[in-house]
Amino acid sequence: MCSLKELSEEYLQNAMQMEARIQQLESQASRTISLEVRRKLRRRINTLHVMVCESRQIAFELEHYYDKPEDDLETLLEKYN
């Protein structure tokens, strides 16, 4: 069993892996001639973007689960963007 902080770090690592995959797919899409294949790649890229955002949000919530509400939320969010 791991702590919320450790789980948060795993979510951030997964987000970074998904971002790397997005870059690979974008490169592939830019080299693809087929419009249909390019559309399929774009859909995968868009799905991965959503997943990255969700992973970063969950990581933030896990890391700051026990923080006091008066903590500066804007400063904390900057770390994840």
N, C-alpha and C. Protein backbone atom coordinates (compact mmCIF):
# COMPACT_ATOMS: atom_id res chain seq x y z
N MET A 1 0.85 -1.18 0.00
CA MET A 1 0.00 0.00 0.00
C MET A 1 0.89 1.24 0.00
N CYS A 2 0.52 2.24 -0.77
CA CYS A 2 1.34 3.44 -0.84
C CYS A 2 0.57 4.65 -0.30
N SER A 3 1.32 5.68 -0.04
CA SER A 3 0.71 6.90 0.49
C SER A 3 0.05 7.69 -0.64
N LEU A 4 -0.75 8.67 -0.27
CA LEU A 4 -1.39 9.52 -1.27
C LEU A 4 -0.35 10.28 -2.09
N LYS A 5 0.73 10.68 -1.44
CA LYS A 5 1.82 11.40 -2.13
C LYS A 5 2.45 10.49 -3.18
N GLU A 6 2.71 9.24 -2.83
CA GLU A 6 3.30 8.29 -3.77
C GLU A 6 2.35 8.01 -4.94
N LEU A 7 1.08 7.87 -4.62
CA LEU A 7 0.08 7.65 -5.66
C LEU A 7 0.00 8.86 -6.59
N SER A 8 0.09 10.05 -6.01
CA SER A 8 0.10 11.28 -6.79
C SER A 8 1.28 11.29 -7.76
N GLU A 9 2.44 10.88 -7.29
CA GLU A 9 3.64 10.84 -8.14
C GLU A 9 3.47 9.85 -9.28
N GLU A 10 2.81 8.73 -9.02
CA GLU A 10 2.55 7.75 -10.08
C GLU A 10 1.64 8.34 -11.15
N TYR A 11 0.62 9.08 -10.73
CA TYR A 11 -0.27 9.73 -11.70
C TYR A 11 0.50 10.73 -12.55
N LEU A 12 1.42 11.48 -11.93
CA LEU A 12 2.21 12.44 -12.68
C LEU A 12 3.15 11.74 -13.66
N GLN A 13 3.75 10.64 -13.24
CA GLN A 13 4.62 9.87 -14.14
C GLN A 13 3.83 9.32 -15.32
N ASN A 14 2.63 8.83 -15.06
CA ASN A 14 1.78 8.34 -16.14
C ASN A 14 1.40 9.47 -17.09
N ALA A 15 1.14 10.65 -16.54
CA ALA A 15 0.82 11.80 -17.39
C ALA A 15 1.99 12.13 -18.29
N MET A 16 3.20 12.07 -17.76
CA MET A 16 4.38 12.36 -18.58
C MET A 16 4.56 11.31 -19.68
N GLN A 17 4.28 10.06 -19.37
CA GLN A 17 4.37 9.00 -20.38
C GLN A 17 3.33 9.22 -21.48
N MET A 18 2.13 9.63 -21.09
CA MET A 18 1.10 9.90 -22.09
C MET A 18 1.48 11.10 -22.95
N GLU A 19 2.10 12.12 -22.34
CA GLU A 19 2.55 13.27 -23.12
C GLU A 19 3.62 12.87 -24.13
N ALA A 20 4.51 11.98 -23.74
CA ALA A 20 5.53 11.48 -24.68
C ALA A 20 4.85 10.73 -25.83
N ARG A 21 3.83 9.95 -25.51
CA ARG A 21 3.11 9.22 -26.55
C ARG A 21 2.38 10.20 -27.47
N ILE A 22 1.84 11.27 -26.93
CA ILE A 22 1.19 12.29 -27.75
C ILE A 22 2.18 12.85 -28.75
N GLN A 23 3.38 13.14 -28.31
CA GLN A 23 4.40 13.67 -29.23
C GLN A 23 4.72 12.68 -30.35
N GLN A 24 4.81 11.40 -30.00
CA GLN A 24 5.06 10.37 -31.01
C GLN A 24 3.93 10.33 -32.04
N LEU A 25 2.70 10.35 -31.53
CA LEU A 25 1.55 10.28 -32.43
C LEU A 25 1.43 11.54 -33.29
N GLU A 26 1.74 12.70 -32.74
CA GLU A 26 1.70 13.93 -33.52
C GLU A 26 2.74 13.89 -34.64
N SER A 27 3.90 13.37 -34.33
CA SER A 27 4.94 13.22 -35.34
C SER A 27 4.48 12.26 -36.44
N GLN A 28 3.89 11.16 -36.02
CA GLN A 28 3.38 10.18 -36.98
C GLN A 28 2.28 10.79 -37.84
N ALA A 29 1.39 11.55 -37.22
CA ALA A 29 0.27 12.17 -37.95
C ALA A 29 0.78 13.17 -38.98
N SER A 30 1.84 13.90 -38.63
CA SER A 30 2.36 14.89 -39.57
C SER A 30 3.02 14.24 -40.79
N ARG A 31 3.45 12.99 -40.65
CA ARG A 31 4.10 12.27 -41.75
C ARG A 31 3.14 11.38 -42.53
N THR A 32 1.90 11.28 -42.06
CA THR A 32 0.93 10.38 -42.67
C THR A 32 0.22 11.06 -43.83
N ILE A 33 0.15 10.36 -44.93
CA ILE A 33 -0.53 10.89 -46.11
C ILE A 33 -2.03 10.64 -46.05
N SER A 34 -2.40 9.48 -45.55
CA SER A 34 -3.81 9.07 -45.52
C SER A 34 -4.61 9.96 -44.56
N LEU A 35 -5.66 10.56 -45.08
CA LEU A 35 -6.53 11.42 -44.28
C LEU A 35 -7.24 10.61 -43.19
N GLU A 36 -7.67 9.41 -43.53
CA GLU A 36 -8.37 8.58 -42.55
C GLU A 36 -7.46 8.18 -41.39
N VAL A 37 -6.24 7.79 -41.71
CA VAL A 37 -5.28 7.43 -40.66
C VAL A 37 -4.96 8.65 -39.80
N ARG A 38 -4.81 9.80 -40.44
CA ARG A 38 -4.52 11.03 -39.69
C ARG A 38 -5.67 11.36 -38.74
N ARG A 39 -6.90 11.17 -39.18
CA ARG A 39 -8.06 11.43 -38.31
C ARG A 39 -8.07 10.48 -37.11
N LYS A 40 -7.76 9.21 -37.36
CA LYS A 40 -7.71 8.25 -36.26
C LYS A 40 -6.62 8.62 -35.26
N LEU A 41 -5.48 9.05 -35.76
CA LEU A 41 -4.39 9.48 -34.87
C LEU A 41 -4.81 10.70 -34.06
N ARG A 42 -5.49 11.65 -34.72
CA ARG A 42 -5.96 12.85 -34.02
C ARG A 42 -6.93 12.50 -32.90
N ARG A 43 -7.81 11.53 -33.16
CA ARG A 43 -8.75 11.11 -32.11
C ARG A 43 -8.00 10.49 -30.92
N ARG A 44 -7.00 9.68 -31.21
CA ARG A 44 -6.18 9.10 -30.14
C ARG A 44 -5.45 10.20 -29.37
N ILE A 45 -4.92 11.17 -30.09
CA ILE A 45 -4.20 12.28 -29.45
C ILE A 45 -5.15 13.06 -28.56
N ASN A 46 -6.33 13.36 -29.06
CA ASN A 46 -7.31 14.11 -28.26
C ASN A 46 -7.71 13.35 -27.00
N THR A 47 -7.90 12.04 -27.13
CA THR A 47 -8.24 11.22 -25.97
C THR A 47 -7.11 11.25 -24.95
N LEU A 48 -5.88 11.15 -25.44
CA LEU A 48 -4.72 11.20 -24.53
C LEU A 48 -4.62 12.55 -23.83
N HIS A 49 -4.93 13.63 -24.53
CA HIS A 49 -4.91 14.96 -23.90
C HIS A 49 -5.89 15.01 -22.72
N VAL A 50 -7.08 14.46 -22.92
CA VAL A 50 -8.07 14.41 -21.85
C VAL A 50 -7.54 13.59 -20.68
N MET A 51 -6.93 12.45 -21.00
CA MET A 51 -6.41 11.58 -19.95
C MET A 51 -5.27 12.25 -19.18
N VAL A 52 -4.43 13.01 -19.88
CA VAL A 52 -3.34 13.74 -19.21
C VAL A 52 -3.92 14.76 -18.24
N CYS A 53 -4.91 15.51 -18.70
CA CYS A 53 -5.53 16.52 -17.82
C CYS A 53 -6.16 15.86 -16.59
N GLU A 54 -6.85 14.76 -16.81
CA GLU A 54 -7.47 14.06 -15.68
C GLU A 54 -6.42 13.51 -14.72
N SER A 55 -5.34 12.97 -15.25
CA SER A 55 -4.28 12.43 -14.40
C SER A 55 -3.64 13.52 -13.56
N ARG A 56 -3.40 14.67 -14.17
CA ARG A 56 -2.80 15.79 -13.43
C ARG A 56 -3.75 16.30 -12.34
N GLN A 57 -5.03 16.35 -12.65
CA GLN A 57 -6.02 16.79 -11.66
C GLN A 57 -6.09 15.82 -10.49
N ILE A 58 -6.12 14.53 -10.80
CA ILE A 58 -6.16 13.52 -9.74
C ILE A 58 -4.89 13.59 -8.90
N ALA A 59 -3.74 13.76 -9.57
CA ALA A 59 -2.46 13.87 -8.84
C ALA A 59 -2.51 15.04 -7.88
N PHE A 60 -3.02 16.15 -8.35
CA PHE A 60 -3.13 17.34 -7.50
C PHE A 60 -4.03 17.07 -6.29
N GLU A 61 -5.18 16.48 -6.55
CA GLU A 61 -6.13 16.21 -5.46
C GLU A 61 -5.55 15.22 -4.45
N LEU A 62 -4.84 14.22 -4.92
CA LEU A 62 -4.23 13.26 -4.01
C LEU A 62 -3.14 13.90 -3.17
N GLU A 63 -2.29 14.68 -3.82
CA GLU A 63 -1.17 15.30 -3.10
C GLU A 63 -1.65 16.30 -2.06
N HIS A 64 -2.76 16.95 -2.33
CA HIS A 64 -3.23 18.03 -1.44
C HIS A 64 -4.51 17.66 -0.71
N TYR A 65 -4.75 16.38 -0.58
CA TYR A 65 -5.97 15.90 0.05
C TYR A 65 -6.13 16.44 1.47
N TYR A 66 -5.04 16.51 2.21
CA TYR A 66 -5.12 16.92 3.61
C TYR A 66 -4.74 18.39 3.82
N ASP A 67 -4.54 19.13 2.75
CA ASP A 67 -4.21 20.55 2.89
C ASP A 67 -5.38 21.33 3.45
N LYS A 68 -5.05 22.41 4.11
CA LYS A 68 -6.08 23.29 4.64
C LYS A 68 -6.72 24.05 3.48
N PRO A 69 -8.01 24.35 3.57
CA PRO A 69 -8.69 25.07 2.49
C PRO A 69 -8.14 26.47 2.24
N GLU A 70 -7.52 27.08 3.23
CA GLU A 70 -7.02 28.44 3.03
C GLU A 70 -5.68 28.48 2.30
N ASP A 71 -5.10 27.31 1.97
CA ASP A 71 -3.87 27.29 1.19
C ASP A 71 -4.12 27.95 -0.16
N ASP A 72 -3.09 28.55 -0.71
CA ASP A 72 -3.20 29.27 -1.97
C ASP A 72 -3.35 28.26 -3.12
N LEU A 73 -4.57 28.06 -3.56
CA LEU A 73 -4.88 27.09 -4.59
C LEU A 73 -4.19 27.43 -5.91
N GLU A 74 -4.13 28.68 -6.26
CA GLU A 74 -3.52 29.09 -7.53
C GLU A 74 -2.04 28.72 -7.58
N THR A 75 -1.33 28.92 -6.50
CA THR A 75 0.08 28.58 -6.44
C THR A 75 0.27 27.07 -6.57
N LEU A 76 -0.58 26.31 -5.91
CA LEU A 76 -0.48 24.86 -5.97
C LEU A 76 -0.78 24.34 -7.38
N LEU A 77 -1.74 24.93 -8.05
CA LEU A 77 -2.10 24.48 -9.40
C LEU A 77 -0.99 24.74 -10.41
N GLU A 78 -0.20 25.77 -10.21
CA GLU A 78 0.89 26.10 -11.13
C GLU A 78 1.86 24.93 -11.28
N LYS A 79 2.04 24.17 -10.25
CA LYS A 79 2.96 23.04 -10.29
C LYS A 79 2.51 22.00 -11.32
N TYR A 80 1.23 21.91 -11.57
CA TYR A 80 0.68 20.85 -12.42
C TYR A 80 0.37 21.31 -13.83
N ASN A 81 0.64 22.54 -14.15
CA ASN A 81 0.36 23.05 -15.50
C ASN A 81 1.62 23.37 -16.23
